[in-house]
């Protein structure tokens, strides 16, 4: 975990541990609160507001015919 926190790539850690695939290493990794906060701080807010979906008239007609 300390290697991951200090910036060592997960594939390098997997090689050092002798794992055949990096997904095996993920089993043993858990992100601590500081790592989660750092990841969340990198996210950008969505610029557009969510719009309500309005189905086309053809779709509504088809659904009503069922």
PDB file of N, CA and C in Angstrom:
ATOM      1  N   UNK A   1       0.825  -1.187   0.000  1.00  0.00           N
ATOM      2  CA  UNK A   1       0.000   0.000   0.000  1.00  0.00           C
ATOM      3  C   UNK A   1       0.866   1.247   0.000  1.00  0.00           C
ATOM      4  N   UNK A   2       1.973   1.203   0.719  1.00  0.00           N
ATOM      5  CA  UNK A   2       2.853   2.366   0.776  1.00  0.00           C
ATOM      6  C   UNK A   2       3.477   2.651  -0.583  1.00  0.00           C
ATOM      7  N   UNK A   3       3.786   1.597  -1.337  1.00  0.00           N
ATOM      8  CA  UNK A   3       4.330   1.795  -2.675  1.00  0.00           C
ATOM      9  C   UNK A   3       3.316   2.503  -3.565  1.00  0.00           C
ATOM     10  N   UNK A   4       2.080   2.070  -3.492  1.00  0.00           N
ATOM     11  CA  UNK A   4       1.023   2.683  -4.292  1.00  0.00           C
ATOM     12  C   UNK A   4       0.827   4.142  -3.898  1.00  0.00           C
ATOM     13  N   UNK A   5       0.856   4.431  -2.609  1.00  0.00           N
ATOM     14  CA  UNK A   5       0.692   5.799  -2.136  1.00  0.00           C
ATOM     15  C   UNK A   5       1.853   6.689  -2.560  1.00  0.00           C
ATOM     16  N   UNK A   6       3.027   6.120  -2.708  1.00  0.00           N
ATOM     17  CA  UNK A   6       4.181   6.928  -3.099  1.00  0.00           C
ATOM     18  C   UNK A   6       4.292   7.072  -4.605  1.00  0.00           C
ATOM     19  N   UNK A   7       3.350   6.519  -5.354  1.00  0.00           N
ATOM     20  CA  UNK A   7       3.296   6.745  -6.790  1.00  0.00           C
ATOM     21  C   UNK A   7       3.818   5.628  -7.660  1.00  0.00           C
ATOM     22  N   UNK A   8       4.151   4.488  -7.077  1.00  0.00           N
ATOM     23  CA  UNK A   8       4.629   3.352  -7.878  1.00  0.00           C
ATOM     24  C   UNK A   8       3.433   2.754  -8.619  1.00  0.00           C
ATOM     25  N   UNK A   9       3.616   2.505  -9.909  1.00  0.00           N
ATOM     26  CA  UNK A   9       2.542   1.965 -10.736  1.00  0.00           C
ATOM     27  C   UNK A   9       2.155   0.557 -10.270  1.00  0.00           C
ATOM     28  N   UNK A  10       0.873   0.242 -10.390  1.00  0.00           N
ATOM     29  CA  UNK A  10       0.342  -1.055  -9.936  1.00  0.00           C
ATOM     30  C   UNK A  10       0.971  -2.216 -10.706  1.00  0.00           C
ATOM     31  N   UNK A  11       1.329  -1.990 -11.984  1.00  0.00           N
ATOM     32  CA  UNK A  11       1.953  -3.071 -12.755  1.00  0.00           C
ATOM     33  C   UNK A  11       3.350  -3.387 -12.242  1.00  0.00           C
ATOM     34  N   UNK A  12       4.069  -2.379 -11.781  1.00  0.00           N
ATOM     35  CA  UNK A  12       5.401  -2.599 -11.209  1.00  0.00           C
ATOM     36  C   UNK A  12       5.277  -3.377  -9.903  1.00  0.00           C
ATOM     37  N   UNK A  13       4.305  -3.016  -9.087  1.00  0.00           N
ATOM     38  CA  UNK A  13       4.076  -3.720  -7.819  1.00  0.00           C
ATOM     39  C   UNK A  13       3.726  -5.180  -8.098  1.00  0.00           C
ATOM     40  N   UNK A  14       2.896  -5.401  -9.126  1.00  0.00           N
ATOM     41  CA  UNK A  14       2.514  -6.769  -9.482  1.00  0.00           C
ATOM     42  C   UNK A  14       3.728  -7.588  -9.898  1.00  0.00           C
ATOM     43  N   UNK A  15       4.628  -6.982 -10.648  1.00  0.00           N
ATOM     44  CA  UNK A  15       5.851  -7.692 -11.055  1.00  0.00           C
ATOM     45  C   UNK A  15       6.724  -8.020  -9.851  1.00  0.00           C
ATOM     46  N   UNK A  16       6.883  -7.057  -8.943  1.00  0.00           N
ATOM     47  CA  UNK A  16       7.705  -7.288  -7.751  1.00  0.00           C
ATOM     48  C   UNK A  16       7.128  -8.407  -6.887  1.00  0.00           C
ATOM     49  N   UNK A  17       5.802  -8.494  -6.828  1.00  0.00           N
ATOM     50  CA  UNK A  17       5.173  -9.532  -6.017  1.00  0.00           C
ATOM     51  C   UNK A  17       5.103 -10.879  -6.739  1.00  0.00           C
ATOM     52  N   UNK A  18       5.452 -10.883  -8.025  1.00  0.00           N
ATOM     53  CA  UNK A  18       5.439 -12.131  -8.785  1.00  0.00           C
ATOM     54  C   UNK A  18       4.066 -12.510  -9.295  1.00  0.00           C
ATOM     55  N   UNK A  19       3.168 -11.550  -9.384  1.00  0.00           N
ATOM     56  CA  UNK A  19       1.832 -11.839  -9.899  1.00  0.00           C
ATOM     57  C   UNK A  19       1.863 -11.868 -11.423  1.00  0.00           C
ATOM     58  N   UNK A  20       1.121 -12.800 -11.969  1.00  0.00           N
ATOM     59  CA  UNK A  20       1.091 -12.946 -13.424  1.00  0.00           C
ATOM     60  C   UNK A  20       0.351 -11.793 -14.082  1.00  0.00           C
ATOM     61  N   UNK A  21      -0.676 -11.275 -13.417  1.00  0.00           N
ATOM     62  CA  UNK A  21      -1.505 -10.223 -13.993  1.00  0.00           C
ATOM     63  C   UNK A  21      -1.771  -9.167 -12.923  1.00  0.00           C
ATOM     64  N   UNK A  22      -1.803  -7.886 -13.283  1.00  0.00           N
ATOM     65  CA  UNK A  22      -2.064  -6.828 -12.283  1.00  0.00           C
ATOM     66  C   UNK A  22      -3.411  -6.961 -11.581  1.00  0.00           C
ATOM     67  N   UNK A  23      -4.382  -7.616 -12.210  1.00  0.00           N
ATOM     68  CA  UNK A  23      -5.681  -7.768 -11.553  1.00  0.00           C
ATOM     69  C   UNK A  23      -5.567  -8.621 -10.284  1.00  0.00           C
ATOM     70  N   UNK A  24      -4.587  -9.505 -10.235  1.00  0.00           N
ATOM     71  CA  UNK A  24      -4.347 -10.282  -9.025  1.00  0.00           C
ATOM     72  C   UNK A  24      -3.904  -9.375  -7.890  1.00  0.00           C
ATOM     73  N   UNK A  25      -3.121  -8.362  -8.210  1.00  0.00           N
ATOM     74  CA  UNK A  25      -2.623  -7.427  -7.206  1.00  0.00           C
ATOM     75  C   UNK A  25      -3.755  -6.572  -6.654  1.00  0.00           C
ATOM     76  N   UNK A  26      -4.765  -6.285  -7.475  1.00  0.00           N
ATOM     77  CA  UNK A  26      -5.889  -5.453  -7.034  1.00  0.00           C
ATOM     78  C   UNK A  26      -6.639  -6.071  -5.864  1.00  0.00           C
ATOM     79  N   UNK A  27      -6.582  -7.368  -5.729  1.00  0.00           N
ATOM     80  CA  UNK A  27      -7.262  -8.045  -4.626  1.00  0.00           C
ATOM     81  C   UNK A  27      -6.721  -7.555  -3.290  1.00  0.00           C
ATOM     82  N   UNK A  28      -5.437  -7.261  -3.258  1.00  0.00           N
ATOM     83  CA  UNK A  28      -4.780  -6.880  -2.012  1.00  0.00           C
ATOM     84  C   UNK A  28      -4.732  -5.373  -1.779  1.00  0.00           C
ATOM     85  N   UNK A  29      -5.171  -4.594  -2.752  1.00  0.00           N
ATOM     86  CA  UNK A  29      -5.084  -3.140  -2.649  1.00  0.00           C
ATOM     87  C   UNK A  29      -6.394  -2.560  -2.133  1.00  0.00           C
ATOM     88  N   UNK A  30      -6.284  -1.645  -1.230  1.00  0.00           N
ATOM     89  CA  UNK A  30      -7.433  -0.885  -0.759  1.00  0.00           C
ATOM     90  C   UNK A  30      -7.006   0.567  -0.677  1.00  0.00           C
ATOM     91  N   UNK A  31      -7.799   1.439  -1.254  1.00  0.00           N
ATOM     92  CA  UNK A  31      -7.479   2.863  -1.212  1.00  0.00           C
ATOM     93  C   UNK A  31      -7.859   3.419   0.161  1.00  0.00           C
ATOM     94  N   UNK A  32      -6.957   4.201   0.734  1.00  0.00           N
ATOM     95  CA  UNK A  32      -7.282   4.843   2.001  1.00  0.00           C
ATOM     96  C   UNK A  32      -8.028   6.150   1.723  1.00  0.00           C
ATOM     97  N   UNK A  33      -8.482   6.808   2.758  1.00  0.00           N
ATOM     98  CA  UNK A  33      -9.305   8.000   2.615  1.00  0.00           C
ATOM     99  C   UNK A  33      -8.573   9.108   1.869  1.00  0.00           C
ATOM    100  N   UNK A  34      -7.298   9.285   2.114  1.00  0.00           N
ATOM    101  CA  UNK A  34      -6.531  10.338   1.441  1.00  0.00           C
ATOM    102  C   UNK A  34      -6.460  10.079  -0.062  1.00  0.00           C
ATOM    103  N   UNK A  35      -6.290   8.832  -0.457  1.00  0.00           N
ATOM    104  CA  UNK A  35      -6.231   8.502  -1.880  1.00  0.00           C
ATOM    105  C   UNK A  35      -7.587   8.734  -2.544  1.00  0.00           C
ATOM    106  N   UNK A  36      -8.661   8.416  -1.841  1.00  0.00           N
ATOM    107  CA  UNK A  36     -10.002   8.645  -2.387  1.00  0.00           C
ATOM    108  C   UNK A  36     -10.270  10.137  -2.556  1.00  0.00           C
ATOM    109  N   UNK A  37      -9.879  10.934  -1.561  1.00  0.00           N
ATOM    110  CA  UNK A  37     -10.075  12.380  -1.648  1.00  0.00           C
ATOM    111  C   UNK A  37      -9.278  12.970  -2.807  1.00  0.00           C
ATOM    112  N   UNK A  38      -8.058  12.489  -3.012  1.00  0.00           N
ATOM    113  CA  UNK A  38      -7.234  12.978  -4.115  1.00  0.00           C
ATOM    114  C   UNK A  38      -7.874  12.648  -5.459  1.00  0.00           C
ATOM    115  N   UNK A  39      -8.401  11.436  -5.586  1.00  0.00           N
ATOM    116  CA  UNK A  39      -9.044  11.038  -6.833  1.00  0.00           C
ATOM    117  C   UNK A  39     -10.291  11.877  -7.092  1.00  0.00           C
ATOM    118  N   UNK A  40     -11.074  12.133  -6.055  1.00  0.00           N
ATOM    119  CA  UNK A  40     -12.279  12.948  -6.215  1.00  0.00           C
ATOM    120  C   UNK A  40     -11.947  14.393  -6.550  1.00  0.00           C
ATOM    121  N   UNK A  41     -10.830  14.899  -6.040  1.00  0.00           N
ATOM    122  CA  UNK A  41     -10.465  16.284  -6.319  1.00  0.00           C
ATOM    123  C   UNK A  41     -10.054  16.476  -7.776  1.00  0.00           C
ATOM    124  N   UNK A  42      -9.683  15.422  -8.459  1.00  0.00           N
ATOM    125  CA  UNK A  42      -9.293  15.515  -9.872  1.00  0.00           C
ATOM    126  C   UNK A  42     -10.493  15.562 -10.810  1.00  0.00           C
ATOM    127  N   UNK A  43     -11.666  15.220 -10.316  1.00  0.00           N
ATOM    128  CA  UNK A  43     -12.850  15.185 -11.166  1.00  0.00           C
ATOM    129  C   UNK A  43     -13.331  16.593 -11.483  1.00  0.00           C
ATOM    130  N   UNK A  44     -13.862  16.755 -12.666  1.00  0.00           N
ATOM    131  CA  UNK A  44     -14.430  18.028 -13.090  1.00  0.00           C
ATOM    132  C   UNK A  44     -15.950  17.930 -12.981  1.00  0.00           C
ATOM    133  N   UNK A  45     -16.610  18.986 -12.503  1.00  0.00           N
ATOM    134  CA  UNK A  45     -18.073  18.946 -12.458  1.00  0.00           C
ATOM    135  C   UNK A  45     -18.654  18.954 -13.871  1.00  0.00           C
ATOM    136  N   UNK A  46     -19.803  18.364 -14.030  1.00  0.00           N
ATOM    137  CA  UNK A  46     -20.464  18.315 -15.329  1.00  0.00           C
ATOM    138  C   UNK A  46     -20.967  19.716 -15.655  1.00  0.00           C
ATOM    139  N   UNK A  47     -20.625  20.197 -16.847  1.00  0.00           N
ATOM    140  CA  UNK A  47     -20.952  21.576 -17.223  1.00  0.00           C
ATOM    141  C   UNK A  47     -22.430  21.744 -17.567  1.00  0.00           C
ATOM    142  N   UNK A  48     -23.044  20.754 -18.133  1.00  0.00           N
ATOM    143  CA  UNK A  48     -24.430  20.902 -18.553  1.00  0.00           C
ATOM    144  C   UNK A  48     -25.379  20.383 -17.480  1.00  0.00           C
ATOM    145  N   UNK A  49     -26.514  21.025 -17.408  1.00  0.00           N
ATOM    146  CA  UNK A  49     -27.549  20.587 -16.469  1.00  0.00           C
ATOM    147  C   UNK A  49     -28.280  19.382 -17.051  1.00  0.00           C
ATOM    148  N   UNK A  50     -28.689  18.508 -16.199  1.00  0.00           N
ATOM    149  CA  UNK A  50     -29.404  17.319 -16.658  1.00  0.00           C
ATOM    150  C   UNK A  50     -30.778  17.713 -17.191  1.00  0.00           C
ATOM    151  N   UNK A  51     -31.074  17.265 -18.397  1.00  0.00           N
ATOM    152  CA  UNK A  51     -32.362  17.557 -19.009  1.00  0.00           C
ATOM    153  C   UNK A  51     -33.261  16.332 -18.894  1.00  0.00           C
ATOM    154  N   UNK A  52     -34.528  16.586 -18.746  1.00  0.00           N
ATOM    155  CA  UNK A  52     -35.475  15.491 -18.653  1.00  0.00           C
ATOM    156  C   UNK A  52     -35.686  14.883 -20.043  1.00  0.00           C
ATOM    157  N   UNK A  53     -35.702  13.567 -20.105  1.00  0.00           N
ATOM    158  CA  UNK A  53     -35.872  12.873 -21.379  1.00  0.00           C
ATOM    159  C   UNK A  53     -37.309  13.021 -21.855  1.00  0.00           C
ATOM    160  N   UNK A  54     -37.457  13.402 -23.096  1.00  0.00           N
ATOM    161  CA  UNK A  54     -38.770  13.508 -23.730  1.00  0.00           C
ATOM    162  C   UNK A  54     -38.796  12.556 -24.922  1.00  0.00           C
ATOM    163  N   UNK A  55     -39.553  11.456 -24.814  1.00  0.00           N
ATOM    164  CA  UNK A  55     -39.577  10.485 -25.916  1.00  0.00           C
ATOM    165  C   UNK A  55     -40.293  11.070 -27.132  1.00  0.00           C
ATOM    166  N   UNK A  56     -39.869  10.647 -28.314  1.00  0.00           N
ATOM    167  CA  UNK A  56     -40.545  11.132 -29.529  1.00  0.00           C
ATOM    168  C   UNK A  56     -41.970  10.592 -29.620  1.00  0.00           C
ATOM    169  N   UNK A  57     -42.797  11.299 -30.379  1.00  0.00           N
ATOM    170  CA  UNK A  57     -44.201  10.918 -30.514  1.00  0.00           C
ATOM    171  C   UNK A  57     -44.378   9.518 -31.078  1.00  0.00           C
ATOM    172  N   UNK A  58     -43.479   9.118 -31.994  1.00  0.00           N
ATOM    173  CA  UNK A  58     -43.578   7.768 -32.573  1.00  0.00           C
ATOM    174  C   UNK A  58     -43.402   6.703 -31.495  1.00  0.00           C
ATOM    175  N   UNK A  59     -42.497   6.926 -30.581  1.00  0.00           N
ATOM    176  CA  UNK A  59     -42.262   5.960 -29.507  1.00  0.00           C
ATOM    177  C   UNK A  59     -43.455   5.894 -28.578  1.00  0.00           C
ATOM    178  N   UNK A  60     -44.005   7.050 -28.227  1.00  0.00           N
ATOM    179  CA  UNK A  60     -45.191   7.065 -27.364  1.00  0.00           C
ATOM    180  C   UNK A  60     -46.371   6.367 -28.039  1.00  0.00           C
ATOM    181  N   UNK A  61     -46.544   6.607 -29.333  1.00  0.00           N
ATOM    182  CA  UNK A  61     -47.649   5.952 -30.067  1.00  0.00           C
ATOM    183  C   UNK A  61     -47.441   4.450 -30.064  1.00  0.00           C
ATOM    184  N   UNK A  62     -46.210   4.007 -30.284  1.00  0.00           N
ATOM    185  CA  UNK A  62     -45.932   2.571 -30.290  1.00  0.00           C
ATOM    186  C   UNK A  62     -46.219   1.957 -28.921  1.00  0.00           C
ATOM    187  N   UNK A  63     -45.781   2.613 -27.853  1.00  0.00           N
ATOM    188  CA  UNK A  63     -46.003   2.081 -26.505  1.00  0.00           C
ATOM    189  C   UNK A  63     -47.473   2.045 -26.150  1.00  0.00           C
ATOM    190  N   UNK A  64     -48.213   3.037 -26.601  1.00  0.00           N
ATOM    191  CA  UNK A  64     -49.662   3.062 -26.313  1.00  0.00           C
ATOM    192  C   UNK A  64     -50.404   1.988 -27.081  1.00  0.00           C
ATOM    193  N   UNK A  65     -49.833   1.584 -28.208  1.00  0.00           N
ATOM    194  CA  UNK A  65     -50.495   0.543 -28.998  1.00  0.00           C
ATOM    195  C   UNK A  65     -50.286  -0.848 -28.443  1.00  0.00           C
ATOM    196  N   UNK A  66     -49.406  -0.995 -27.516  1.00  0.00           N
ATOM    197  CA  UNK A  66     -49.115  -2.329 -26.954  1.00  0.00           C
ATOM    198  C   UNK A  66     -50.210  -2.814 -26.044  1.00  0.00           C
TER     199      UNK A  66
END
